[in-house]
PDB file of N, CA and C in Angstrom:
ATOM      1  N   UNK A   1     -15.142 -27.680   7.452  1.00  0.00           N
ATOM      2  CA  UNK A   1     -15.652 -28.942   7.932  1.00  0.00           C
ATOM      3  C   UNK A   1     -17.178 -28.889   7.951  1.00  0.00           C
ATOM      4  N   UNK A   2     -17.820 -29.992   7.701  1.00  0.00           N
ATOM      5  CA  UNK A   2     -19.282 -30.070   7.687  1.00  0.00           C
ATOM      6  C   UNK A   2     -19.773 -30.892   8.869  1.00  0.00           C
ATOM      7  N   UNK A   3     -20.809 -30.374   9.543  1.00  0.00           N
ATOM      8  CA  UNK A   3     -21.369 -31.051  10.706  1.00  0.00           C
ATOM      9  C   UNK A   3     -22.859 -31.263  10.536  1.00  0.00           C
ATOM     10  N   UNK A   4     -23.367 -32.261  11.233  1.00  0.00           N
ATOM     11  CA  UNK A   4     -24.800 -32.478  11.362  1.00  0.00           C
ATOM     12  C   UNK A   4     -25.031 -32.934  12.803  1.00  0.00           C
ATOM     13  N   UNK A   5     -26.066 -32.401  13.427  1.00  0.00           N
ATOM     14  CA  UNK A   5     -26.346 -32.820  14.802  1.00  0.00           C
ATOM     15  C   UNK A   5     -26.798 -34.275  14.809  1.00  0.00           C
ATOM     16  N   UNK A   6     -26.563 -34.946  15.912  1.00  0.00           N
ATOM     17  CA  UNK A   6     -26.948 -36.350  15.998  1.00  0.00           C
ATOM     18  C   UNK A   6     -28.454 -36.523  15.829  1.00  0.00           C
ATOM     19  N   UNK A   7     -29.236 -35.564  16.301  1.00  0.00           N
ATOM     20  CA  UNK A   7     -30.686 -35.664  16.135  1.00  0.00           C
ATOM     21  C   UNK A   7     -31.089 -35.508  14.663  1.00  0.00           C
ATOM     22  N   UNK A   8     -30.364 -34.670  13.910  1.00  0.00           N
ATOM     23  CA  UNK A   8     -30.674 -34.518  12.484  1.00  0.00           C
ATOM     24  C   UNK A   8     -30.232 -35.746  11.699  1.00  0.00           C
ATOM     25  N   UNK A   9     -29.143 -36.389  12.123  1.00  0.00           N
ATOM     26  CA  UNK A   9     -28.760 -37.666  11.514  1.00  0.00           C
ATOM     27  C   UNK A   9     -29.877 -38.694  11.746  1.00  0.00           C
ATOM     28  N   UNK A  10     -30.382 -38.741  12.969  1.00  0.00           N
ATOM     29  CA  UNK A  10     -31.451 -39.688  13.296  1.00  0.00           C
ATOM     30  C   UNK A  10     -32.703 -39.407  12.476  1.00  0.00           C
ATOM     31  N   UNK A  11     -33.023 -38.128  12.330  1.00  0.00           N
ATOM     32  CA  UNK A  11     -34.189 -37.737  11.539  1.00  0.00           C
ATOM     33  C   UNK A  11     -34.025 -38.152  10.074  1.00  0.00           C
ATOM     34  N   UNK A  12     -32.867 -37.880   9.499  1.00  0.00           N
ATOM     35  CA  UNK A  12     -32.599 -38.263   8.106  1.00  0.00           C
ATOM     36  C   UNK A  12     -32.668 -39.773   7.936  1.00  0.00           C
ATOM     37  N   UNK A  13     -32.088 -40.490   8.881  1.00  0.00           N
ATOM     38  CA  UNK A  13     -32.090 -41.952   8.828  1.00  0.00           C
ATOM     39  C   UNK A  13     -33.511 -42.494   8.877  1.00  0.00           C
ATOM     40  N   UNK A  14     -34.331 -41.967   9.795  1.00  0.00           N
ATOM     41  CA  UNK A  14     -35.691 -42.490   9.937  1.00  0.00           C
ATOM     42  C   UNK A  14     -36.543 -42.202   8.702  1.00  0.00           C
ATOM     43  N   UNK A  15     -36.369 -41.023   8.104  1.00  0.00           N
ATOM     44  CA  UNK A  15     -37.123 -40.690   6.890  1.00  0.00           C
ATOM     45  C   UNK A  15     -36.705 -41.595   5.733  1.00  0.00           C
ATOM     46  N   UNK A  16     -35.388 -41.775   5.561  1.00  0.00           N
ATOM     47  CA  UNK A  16     -34.904 -42.641   4.474  1.00  0.00           C
ATOM     48  C   UNK A  16     -35.358 -44.082   4.677  1.00  0.00           C
ATOM     49  N   UNK A  17     -35.326 -44.558   5.911  1.00  0.00           N
ATOM     50  CA  UNK A  17     -35.746 -45.941   6.193  1.00  0.00           C
ATOM     51  C   UNK A  17     -37.241 -46.117   5.918  1.00  0.00           C
ATOM     52  N   UNK A  18     -38.040 -45.125   6.282  1.00  0.00           N
ATOM     53  CA  UNK A  18     -39.484 -45.196   6.062  1.00  0.00           C
ATOM     54  C   UNK A  18     -39.821 -45.165   4.578  1.00  0.00           C
ATOM     55  N   UNK A  19     -39.086 -44.350   3.809  1.00  0.00           N
ATOM     56  CA  UNK A  19     -39.384 -44.197   2.388  1.00  0.00           C
ATOM     57  C   UNK A  19     -38.757 -45.277   1.520  1.00  0.00           C
ATOM     58  N   UNK A  20     -37.654 -45.875   1.997  1.00  0.00           N
ATOM     59  CA  UNK A  20     -36.970 -46.912   1.206  1.00  0.00           C
ATOM     60  C   UNK A  20     -36.803 -48.173   2.039  1.00  0.00           C
ATOM     61  N   UNK A  21     -35.646 -48.311   2.663  1.00  0.00           N
ATOM     62  CA  UNK A  21     -35.388 -49.464   3.520  1.00  0.00           C
ATOM     63  C   UNK A  21     -34.323 -49.092   4.541  1.00  0.00           C
ATOM     64  N   UNK A  22     -34.199 -49.920   5.563  1.00  0.00           N
ATOM     65  CA  UNK A  22     -33.186 -49.691   6.584  1.00  0.00           C
ATOM     66  C   UNK A  22     -31.786 -49.727   5.979  1.00  0.00           C
ATOM     67  N   UNK A  23     -31.569 -50.630   5.048  1.00  0.00           N
ATOM     68  CA  UNK A  23     -30.264 -50.747   4.399  1.00  0.00           C
ATOM     69  C   UNK A  23     -29.922 -49.488   3.593  1.00  0.00           C
ATOM     70  N   UNK A  24     -30.899 -48.977   2.871  1.00  0.00           N
ATOM     71  CA  UNK A  24     -30.679 -47.756   2.091  1.00  0.00           C
ATOM     72  C   UNK A  24     -30.421 -46.571   3.014  1.00  0.00           C
ATOM     73  N   UNK A  25     -31.152 -46.506   4.114  1.00  0.00           N
ATOM     74  CA  UNK A  25     -30.938 -45.432   5.087  1.00  0.00           C
ATOM     75  C   UNK A  25     -29.517 -45.479   5.638  1.00  0.00           C
ATOM     76  N   UNK A  26     -29.057 -46.664   5.972  1.00  0.00           N
ATOM     77  CA  UNK A  26     -27.677 -46.823   6.466  1.00  0.00           C
ATOM     78  C   UNK A  26     -26.673 -46.394   5.395  1.00  0.00           C
ATOM     79  N   UNK A  27     -26.944 -46.755   4.159  1.00  0.00           N
ATOM     80  CA  UNK A  27     -26.053 -46.369   3.060  1.00  0.00           C
ATOM     81  C   UNK A  27     -25.992 -44.853   2.908  1.00  0.00           C
ATOM     82  N   UNK A  28     -27.133 -44.179   3.049  1.00  0.00           N
ATOM     83  CA  UNK A  28     -27.154 -42.710   2.948  1.00  0.00           C
ATOM     84  C   UNK A  28     -26.319 -42.074   4.058  1.00  0.00           C
ATOM     85  N   UNK A  29     -26.473 -42.566   5.265  1.00  0.00           N
ATOM     86  CA  UNK A  29     -25.699 -42.030   6.392  1.00  0.00           C
ATOM     87  C   UNK A  29     -24.212 -42.280   6.168  1.00  0.00           C
ATOM     88  N   UNK A  30     -23.874 -43.460   5.709  1.00  0.00           N
ATOM     89  CA  UNK A  30     -22.467 -43.771   5.425  1.00  0.00           C
ATOM     90  C   UNK A  30     -21.921 -42.886   4.301  1.00  0.00           C
ATOM     91  N   UNK A  31     -22.753 -42.609   3.299  1.00  0.00           N
ATOM     92  CA  UNK A  31     -22.337 -41.702   2.216  1.00  0.00           C
ATOM     93  C   UNK A  31     -22.024 -40.311   2.768  1.00  0.00           C
ATOM     94  N   UNK A  32     -22.873 -39.824   3.664  1.00  0.00           N
ATOM     95  CA  UNK A  32     -22.617 -38.513   4.282  1.00  0.00           C
ATOM     96  C   UNK A  32     -21.297 -38.524   5.051  1.00  0.00           C
ATOM     97  N   UNK A  33     -21.072 -39.566   5.808  1.00  0.00           N
ATOM     98  CA  UNK A  33     -19.802 -39.681   6.549  1.00  0.00           C
ATOM     99  C   UNK A  33     -18.618 -39.732   5.589  1.00  0.00           C
ATOM    100  N   UNK A  34     -18.767 -40.490   4.499  1.00  0.00           N
ATOM    101  CA  UNK A  34     -17.688 -40.590   3.507  1.00  0.00           C
ATOM    102  C   UNK A  34     -17.396 -39.244   2.840  1.00  0.00           C
ATOM    103  N   UNK A  35     -18.417 -38.386   2.754  1.00  0.00           N
ATOM    104  CA  UNK A  35     -18.239 -37.049   2.178  1.00  0.00           C
ATOM    105  C   UNK A  35     -17.613 -36.078   3.182  1.00  0.00           C
ATOM    106  N   UNK A  36     -17.401 -36.542   4.408  1.00  0.00           N
ATOM    107  CA  UNK A  36     -16.765 -35.696   5.410  1.00  0.00           C
ATOM    108  C   UNK A  36     -17.709 -35.029   6.385  1.00  0.00           C
ATOM    109  N   UNK A  37     -18.974 -35.405   6.358  1.00  0.00           N
ATOM    110  CA  UNK A  37     -19.916 -34.849   7.327  1.00  0.00           C
ATOM    111  C   UNK A  37     -19.671 -35.520   8.668  1.00  0.00           C
ATOM    112  N   UNK A  38     -19.486 -34.701   9.691  1.00  0.00           N
ATOM    113  CA  UNK A  38     -19.173 -35.177  11.033  1.00  0.00           C
ATOM    114  C   UNK A  38     -20.379 -35.007  11.942  1.00  0.00           C
ATOM    115  N   UNK A  39     -20.634 -36.012  12.766  1.00  0.00           N
ATOM    116  CA  UNK A  39     -21.712 -35.916  13.737  1.00  0.00           C
ATOM    117  C   UNK A  39     -21.309 -34.949  14.842  1.00  0.00           C
ATOM    118  N   UNK A  40     -22.207 -34.049  15.180  1.00  0.00           N
ATOM    119  CA  UNK A  40     -21.959 -33.080  16.241  1.00  0.00           C
ATOM    120  C   UNK A  40     -22.792 -33.492  17.446  1.00  0.00           C
ATOM    121  N   UNK A  41     -22.120 -33.831  18.531  1.00  0.00           N
ATOM    122  CA  UNK A  41     -22.798 -34.288  19.731  1.00  0.00           C
ATOM    123  C   UNK A  41     -23.576 -33.136  20.353  1.00  0.00           C
ATOM    124  N   UNK A  42     -24.853 -33.352  20.567  1.00  0.00           N
ATOM    125  CA  UNK A  42     -25.744 -32.285  21.023  1.00  0.00           C
ATOM    126  C   UNK A  42     -26.038 -32.338  22.515  1.00  0.00           C
ATOM    127  N   UNK A  43     -25.440 -33.264  23.238  1.00  0.00           N
ATOM    128  CA  UNK A  43     -25.780 -33.445  24.646  1.00  0.00           C
ATOM    129  C   UNK A  43     -25.694 -32.163  25.460  1.00  0.00           C
ATOM    130  N   UNK A  44     -24.715 -31.330  25.206  1.00  0.00           N
ATOM    131  CA  UNK A  44     -24.540 -30.111  25.997  1.00  0.00           C
ATOM    132  C   UNK A  44     -25.422 -28.957  25.511  1.00  0.00           C
ATOM    133  N   UNK A  45     -26.117 -29.141  24.402  1.00  0.00           N
ATOM    134  CA  UNK A  45     -26.912 -28.060  23.815  1.00  0.00           C
ATOM    135  C   UNK A  45     -28.390 -28.113  24.179  1.00  0.00           C
ATOM    136  N   UNK A  46     -28.790 -29.058  24.994  1.00  0.00           N
ATOM    137  CA  UNK A  46     -30.217 -29.241  25.251  1.00  0.00           C
ATOM    138  C   UNK A  46     -30.863 -28.008  25.869  1.00  0.00           C
ATOM    139  N   UNK A  47     -30.160 -27.281  26.738  1.00  0.00           N
ATOM    140  CA  UNK A  47     -30.725 -26.087  27.354  1.00  0.00           C
ATOM    141  C   UNK A  47     -30.968 -24.981  26.340  1.00  0.00           C
ATOM    142  N   UNK A  48     -29.968 -24.745  25.484  1.00  0.00           N
ATOM    143  CA  UNK A  48     -30.125 -23.738  24.424  1.00  0.00           C
ATOM    144  C   UNK A  48     -31.249 -24.134  23.474  1.00  0.00           C
ATOM    145  N   UNK A  49     -31.292 -25.415  23.120  1.00  0.00           N
ATOM    146  CA  UNK A  49     -32.337 -25.894  22.211  1.00  0.00           C
ATOM    147  C   UNK A  49     -33.720 -25.743  22.846  1.00  0.00           C
ATOM    148  N   UNK A  50     -33.824 -26.058  24.126  1.00  0.00           N
ATOM    149  CA  UNK A  50     -35.114 -25.921  24.814  1.00  0.00           C
ATOM    150  C   UNK A  50     -35.563 -24.463  24.862  1.00  0.00           C
ATOM    151  N   UNK A  51     -34.616 -23.560  25.099  1.00  0.00           N
ATOM    152  CA  UNK A  51     -34.953 -22.130  25.119  1.00  0.00           C
ATOM    153  C   UNK A  51     -35.441 -21.658  23.754  1.00  0.00           C
ATOM    154  N   UNK A  52     -34.755 -22.083  22.683  1.00  0.00           N
ATOM    155  CA  UNK A  52     -35.171 -21.703  21.330  1.00  0.00           C
ATOM    156  C   UNK A  52     -36.528 -22.309  20.989  1.00  0.00           C
ATOM    157  N   UNK A  53     -36.749 -23.553  21.400  1.00  0.00           N
ATOM    158  CA  UNK A  53     -38.024 -24.226  21.140  1.00  0.00           C
ATOM    159  C   UNK A  53     -39.154 -23.463  21.819  1.00  0.00           C
ATOM    160  N   UNK A  54     -38.914 -23.029  23.063  1.00  0.00           N
ATOM    161  CA  UNK A  54     -39.936 -22.294  23.803  1.00  0.00           C
ATOM    162  C   UNK A  54     -40.219 -20.933  23.184  1.00  0.00           C
ATOM    163  N   UNK A  55     -39.166 -20.264  22.714  1.00  0.00           N
ATOM    164  CA  UNK A  55     -39.334 -18.914  22.186  1.00  0.00           C
ATOM    165  C   UNK A  55     -39.863 -18.883  20.753  1.00  0.00           C
ATOM    166  N   UNK A  56     -39.395 -19.781  19.899  1.00  0.00           N
ATOM    167  CA  UNK A  56     -39.717 -19.714  18.468  1.00  0.00           C
ATOM    168  C   UNK A  56     -40.642 -20.824  17.974  1.00  0.00           C
ATOM    169  N   UNK A  57     -40.786 -21.914  18.704  1.00  0.00           N
ATOM    170  CA  UNK A  57     -41.692 -23.034  18.407  1.00  0.00           C
ATOM    171  C   UNK A  57     -41.432 -23.804  17.113  1.00  0.00           C
ATOM    172  N   UNK A  58     -40.203 -23.942  16.646  1.00  0.00           N
ATOM    173  CA  UNK A  58     -39.974 -24.780  15.456  1.00  0.00           C
ATOM    174  C   UNK A  58     -39.889 -26.261  15.847  1.00  0.00           C
ATOM    175  N   UNK A  59     -39.726 -27.105  14.857  1.00  0.00           N
ATOM    176  CA  UNK A  59     -39.518 -28.525  15.109  1.00  0.00           C
ATOM    177  C   UNK A  59     -38.218 -28.723  15.885  1.00  0.00           C
ATOM    178  N   UNK A  60     -38.172 -29.753  16.691  1.00  0.00           N
ATOM    179  CA  UNK A  60     -37.009 -29.981  17.561  1.00  0.00           C
ATOM    180  C   UNK A  60     -35.729 -30.202  16.748  1.00  0.00           C
ATOM    181  N   UNK A  61     -35.816 -30.865  15.617  1.00  0.00           N
ATOM    182  CA  UNK A  61     -34.628 -31.053  14.774  1.00  0.00           C
ATOM    183  C   UNK A  61     -34.094 -29.734  14.250  1.00  0.00           C
ATOM    184  N   UNK A  62     -34.990 -28.840  13.885  1.00  0.00           N
ATOM    185  CA  UNK A  62     -34.589 -27.518  13.394  1.00  0.00           C
ATOM    186  C   UNK A  62     -33.922 -26.712  14.504  1.00  0.00           C
ATOM    187  N   UNK A  63     -34.463 -26.819  15.715  1.00  0.00           N
ATOM    188  CA  UNK A  63     -33.881 -26.116  16.854  1.00  0.00           C
ATOM    189  C   UNK A  63     -32.450 -26.596  17.094  1.00  0.00           C
ATOM    190  N   UNK A  64     -32.249 -27.896  17.033  1.00  0.00           N
ATOM    191  CA  UNK A  64     -30.906 -28.421  17.259  1.00  0.00           C
ATOM    192  C   UNK A  64     -29.947 -28.031  16.140  1.00  0.00           C
ATOM    193  N   UNK A  65     -30.425 -27.956  14.915  1.00  0.00           N
ATOM    194  CA  UNK A  65     -29.563 -27.510  13.818  1.00  0.00           C
ATOM    195  C   UNK A  65     -29.079 -26.087  14.069  1.00  0.00           C
ATOM    196  N   UNK A  66     -29.982 -25.216  14.505  1.00  0.00           N
ATOM    197  CA  UNK A  66     -29.611 -23.832  14.801  1.00  0.00           C
ATOM    198  C   UNK A  66     -28.714 -23.775  16.028  1.00  0.00           C
ATOM    199  N   UNK A  67     -28.988 -24.594  17.032  1.00  0.00           N
ATOM    200  CA  UNK A  67     -28.147 -24.621  18.235  1.00  0.00           C
ATOM    201  C   UNK A  67     -26.715 -25.051  17.904  1.00  0.00           C
ATOM    202  N   UNK A  68     -26.577 -26.035  17.036  1.00  0.00           N
ATOM    203  CA  UNK A  68     -25.240 -26.478  16.621  1.00  0.00           C
ATOM    204  C   UNK A  68     -24.530 -25.365  15.861  1.00  0.00           C
ATOM    205  N   UNK A  69     -25.222 -24.736  14.920  1.00  0.00           N
ATOM    206  CA  UNK A  69     -24.609 -23.641  14.159  1.00  0.00           C
ATOM    207  C   UNK A  69     -24.185 -22.506  15.086  1.00  0.00           C
ATOM    208  N   UNK A  70     -25.020 -22.171  16.050  1.00  0.00           N
ATOM    209  CA  UNK A  70     -24.708 -21.106  17.000  1.00  0.00           C
ATOM    210  C   UNK A  70     -23.497 -21.483  17.844  1.00  0.00           C
ATOM    211  N   UNK A  71     -23.458 -22.733  18.300  1.00  0.00           N
ATOM    212  CA  UNK A  71     -22.335 -23.206  19.116  1.00  0.00           C
ATOM    213  C   UNK A  71     -21.035 -23.209  18.318  1.00  0.00           C
ATOM    214  N   UNK A  72     -21.085 -23.716  17.109  1.00  0.00           N
ATOM    215  CA  UNK A  72     -19.891 -23.725  16.255  1.00  0.00           C
ATOM    216  C   UNK A  72     -19.434 -22.308  15.949  1.00  0.00           C
ATOM    217  N   UNK A  73     -20.380 -21.417  15.710  1.00  0.00           N
ATOM    218  CA  UNK A  73     -20.062 -20.034  15.385  1.00  0.00           C
ATOM    219  C   UNK A  73     -19.363 -19.332  16.550  1.00  0.00           C
ATOM    220  N   UNK A  74     -19.745 -19.684  17.767  1.00  0.00           N
ATOM    221  CA  UNK A  74     -19.122 -19.056  18.934  1.00  0.00           C
ATOM    222  C   UNK A  74     -17.676 -19.509  19.112  1.00  0.00           C
ATOM    223  N   UNK A  75     -17.330 -20.657  18.544  1.00  0.00           N
ATOM    224  CA  UNK A  75     -15.968 -21.184  18.641  1.00  0.00           C
ATOM    225  C   UNK A  75     -15.123 -20.897  17.406  1.00  0.00           C
ATOM    226  N   UNK A  76     -15.704 -20.231  16.415  1.00  0.00           N
ATOM    227  CA  UNK A  76     -14.977 -19.980  15.165  1.00  0.00           C
ATOM    228  C   UNK A  76     -14.856 -18.485  14.928  1.00  0.00           C
ATOM    229  N   UNK A  77     -14.437 -18.163  13.762  1.00  0.00           N
ATOM    230  CA  UNK A  77     -14.294 -16.753  13.384  1.00  0.00           C
ATOM    231  C   UNK A  77     -15.507 -16.267  12.590  1.00  0.00           C
ATOM    232  N   UNK A  78     -16.658 -16.818  12.885  1.00  0.00           N
ATOM    233  CA  UNK A  78     -17.878 -16.385  12.201  1.00  0.00           C
ATOM    234  C   UNK A  78     -18.043 -16.951  10.817  1.00  0.00           C
ATOM    235  N   UNK A  79     -17.425 -18.080  10.533  1.00  0.00           N
ATOM    236  CA  UNK A  79     -17.503 -18.678   9.206  1.00  0.00           C
ATOM    237  C   UNK A  79     -18.503 -19.824   9.135  1.00  0.00           C
ATOM    238  N   UNK A  80     -19.423 -19.894  10.062  1.00  0.00           N
ATOM    239  CA  UNK A  80     -20.380 -20.992  10.106  1.00  0.00           C
ATOM    240  C   UNK A  80     -21.601 -20.646   9.270  1.00  0.00           C
ATOM    241  N   UNK A  81     -22.020 -21.618   8.462  1.00  0.00           N
ATOM    242  CA  UNK A  81     -23.220 -21.462   7.637  1.00  0.00           C
ATOM    243  C   UNK A  81     -24.095 -22.693   7.851  1.00  0.00           C
ATOM    244  N   UNK A  82     -25.345 -22.461   8.167  1.00  0.00           N
ATOM    245  CA  UNK A  82     -26.335 -23.527   8.274  1.00  0.00           C
ATOM    246  C   UNK A  82     -27.100 -23.562   6.963  1.00  0.00           C
ATOM    247  N   UNK A  83     -26.879 -24.607   6.179  1.00  0.00           N
ATOM    248  CA  UNK A  83     -27.579 -24.758   4.896  1.00  0.00           C
ATOM    249  C   UNK A  83     -28.956 -25.347   5.150  1.00  0.00           C
ATOM    250  N   UNK A  84     -29.979 -24.667   4.642  1.00  0.00           N
ATOM    251  CA  UNK A  84     -31.350 -25.130   4.823  1.00  0.00           C
ATOM    252  C   UNK A  84     -32.079 -25.095   3.491  1.00  0.00           C
ATOM    253  N   UNK A  85     -33.155 -25.851   3.426  1.00  0.00           N
ATOM    254  CA  UNK A  85     -33.942 -25.901   2.205  1.00  0.00           C
ATOM    255  C   UNK A  85     -34.862 -24.701   2.058  1.00  0.00           C
ATOM    256  N   UNK A  86     -35.797 -24.805   1.151  1.00  0.00           N
ATOM    257  CA  UNK A  86     -36.675 -23.686   0.809  1.00  0.00           C
ATOM    258  C   UNK A  86     -37.907 -23.595   1.694  1.00  0.00           C
ATOM    259  N   UNK A  87     -38.227 -24.643   2.444  1.00  0.00           N
ATOM    260  CA  UNK A  87     -39.434 -24.590   3.256  1.00  0.00           C
ATOM    261  C   UNK A  87     -39.327 -23.506   4.329  1.00  0.00           C
ATOM    262  N   UNK A  88     -40.440 -23.220   4.965  1.00  0.00           N
ATOM    263  CA  UNK A  88     -40.485 -22.083   5.890  1.00  0.00           C
ATOM    264  C   UNK A  88     -40.039 -22.406   7.313  1.00  0.00           C
ATOM    265  N   UNK A  89     -39.492 -23.570   7.543  1.00  0.00           N
ATOM    266  CA  UNK A  89     -39.100 -23.978   8.889  1.00  0.00           C
ATOM    267  C   UNK A  89     -38.106 -23.035   9.546  1.00  0.00           C
ATOM    268  N   UNK A  90     -37.279 -22.403   8.759  1.00  0.00           N
ATOM    269  CA  UNK A  90     -36.225 -21.550   9.323  1.00  0.00           C
ATOM    270  C   UNK A  90     -36.521 -20.061   9.159  1.00  0.00           C
ATOM    271  N   UNK A  91     -37.703 -19.719   8.671  1.00  0.00           N
ATOM    272  CA  UNK A  91     -38.053 -18.307   8.488  1.00  0.00           C
ATOM    273  C   UNK A  91     -37.926 -17.512   9.782  1.00  0.00           C
ATOM    274  N   UNK A  92     -38.401 -18.069  10.877  1.00  0.00           N
ATOM    275  CA  UNK A  92     -38.349 -17.362  12.163  1.00  0.00           C
ATOM    276  C   UNK A  92     -36.914 -17.038  12.563  1.00  0.00           C
ATOM    277  N   UNK A  93     -35.996 -17.923  12.224  1.00  0.00           N
ATOM    278  CA  UNK A  93     -34.598 -17.681  12.561  1.00  0.00           C
ATOM    279  C   UNK A  93     -33.965 -16.665  11.610  1.00  0.00           C
ATOM    280  N   UNK A  94     -34.350 -16.720  10.346  1.00  0.00           N
ATOM    281  CA  UNK A  94     -33.856 -15.736   9.384  1.00  0.00           C
ATOM    282  C   UNK A  94     -34.330 -14.322   9.728  1.00  0.00           C
ATOM    283  N   UNK A  95     -35.472 -14.245  10.380  1.00  0.00           N
ATOM    284  CA  UNK A  95     -36.031 -12.947  10.751  1.00  0.00           C
ATOM    285  C   UNK A  95     -35.518 -12.439  12.100  1.00  0.00           C
ATOM    286  N   UNK A  96     -34.567 -13.159  12.692  1.00  0.00           N
ATOM    287  CA  UNK A  96     -34.019 -12.804  14.001  1.00  0.00           C
ATOM    288  C   UNK A  96     -32.540 -12.477  13.846  1.00  0.00           C
ATOM    289  N   UNK A  97     -32.161 -11.271  14.223  1.00  0.00           N
ATOM    290  CA  UNK A  97     -30.768 -10.830  14.064  1.00  0.00           C
ATOM    291  C   UNK A  97     -29.761 -11.796  14.670  1.00  0.00           C
ATOM    292  N   UNK A  98     -30.128 -12.422  15.763  1.00  0.00           N
ATOM    293  CA  UNK A  98     -29.223 -13.339  16.468  1.00  0.00           C
ATOM    294  C   UNK A  98     -28.820 -14.541  15.607  1.00  0.00           C
ATOM    295  N   UNK A  99     -29.683 -14.932  14.677  1.00  0.00           N
ATOM    296  CA  UNK A  99     -29.446 -16.147  13.893  1.00  0.00           C
ATOM    297  C   UNK A  99     -29.361 -15.929  12.386  1.00  0.00           C
ATOM    298  N   UNK A 100     -29.854 -14.825  11.886  1.00  0.00           N
ATOM    299  CA  UNK A 100     -29.976 -14.611  10.441  1.00  0.00           C
ATOM    300  C   UNK A 100     -28.663 -14.799   9.699  1.00  0.00           C
ATOM    301  N   UNK A 101     -27.557 -14.371  10.292  1.00  0.00           N
ATOM    302  CA  UNK A 101     -26.251 -14.465   9.622  1.00  0.00           C
ATOM    303  C   UNK A 101     -25.759 -15.901   9.471  1.00  0.00           C
ATOM    304  N   UNK A 102     -26.377 -16.833  10.174  1.00  0.00           N
ATOM    305  CA  UNK A 102     -25.952 -18.235  10.118  1.00  0.00           C
ATOM    306  C   UNK A 102     -26.618 -19.011   8.988  1.00  0.00           C
ATOM    307  N   UNK A 103     -27.743 -18.541   8.501  1.00  0.00           N
ATOM    308  CA  UNK A 103     -28.602 -19.339   7.622  1.00  0.00           C
ATOM    309  C   UNK A 103     -28.432 -18.960   6.155  1.00  0.00           C
ATOM    310  N   UNK A 104     -28.285 -19.994   5.345  1.00  0.00           N
ATOM    311  CA  UNK A 104     -28.210 -19.817   3.891  1.00  0.00           C
ATOM    312  C   UNK A 104     -29.080 -20.881   3.238  1.00  0.00           C
ATOM    313  N   UNK A 105     -29.886 -20.474   2.282  1.00  0.00           N
ATOM    314  CA  UNK A 105     -30.770 -21.393   1.552  1.00  0.00           C
ATOM    315  C   UNK A 105     -29.997 -22.034   0.389  1.00  0.00           C
ATOM    316  N   UNK A 106     -30.111 -23.336   0.250  1.00  0.00           N
ATOM    317  CA  UNK A 106     -29.448 -24.004  -0.875  1.00  0.00           C
ATOM    318  C   UNK A 106     -30.406 -24.296  -2.020  1.00  0.00           C
ATOM    319  N   UNK A 107     -31.680 -23.970  -1.818  1.00  0.00           N
ATOM    320  CA  UNK A 107     -32.661 -24.047  -2.904  1.00  0.00           C
ATOM    321  C   UNK A 107     -33.765 -23.049  -2.601  1.00  0.00           C
ATOM    322  N   UNK A 108     -34.483 -22.656  -3.639  1.00  0.00           N
ATOM    323  CA  UNK A 108     -35.506 -21.634  -3.469  1.00  0.00           C
ATOM    324  C   UNK A 108     -36.939 -22.170  -3.607  1.00  0.00           C
ATOM    325  N   UNK A 109     -37.089 -23.412  -4.037  1.00  0.00           N
ATOM    326  CA  UNK A 109     -38.419 -23.966  -4.212  1.00  0.00           C
ATOM    327  C   UNK A 109     -38.593 -25.184  -3.323  1.00  0.00           C
ATOM    328  N   UNK A 110     -39.788 -25.309  -2.714  1.00  0.00           N
ATOM    329  CA  UNK A 110     -40.090 -26.441  -1.852  1.00  0.00           C
ATOM    330  C   UNK A 110     -40.412 -27.666  -2.700  1.00  0.00           C
ATOM    331  N   UNK A 111     -40.333 -28.801  -2.053  1.00  0.00           N
ATOM    332  CA  UNK A 111     -40.647 -30.069  -2.740  1.00  0.00           C
ATOM    333  C   UNK A 111     -42.112 -30.210  -3.028  1.00  0.00           C
TER     334      UNK A 111
END
């Protein structure tokens, strides 16, 4: 199953709306849902996200993505993978034993 935190959905929507239109942004979100991406409610993760933000200082959306992956991983058999791009936003997590096993890059070059 594929998940995205509600804050990352909001971030994707706002970027698409700014670069194209509100209608196109809605279409992109609907396409993700149609592909089986499920929204992961982050309300209970705010404490973990705040702790990670304080310790590692990444963007808040990145913190929530890692918090969701960590939460899902604790409820599964260790089969959780957080797909991230090539930018350095997740380097700090890749360099930390606690999170490194969760992260996989889906591309090697930045935009």
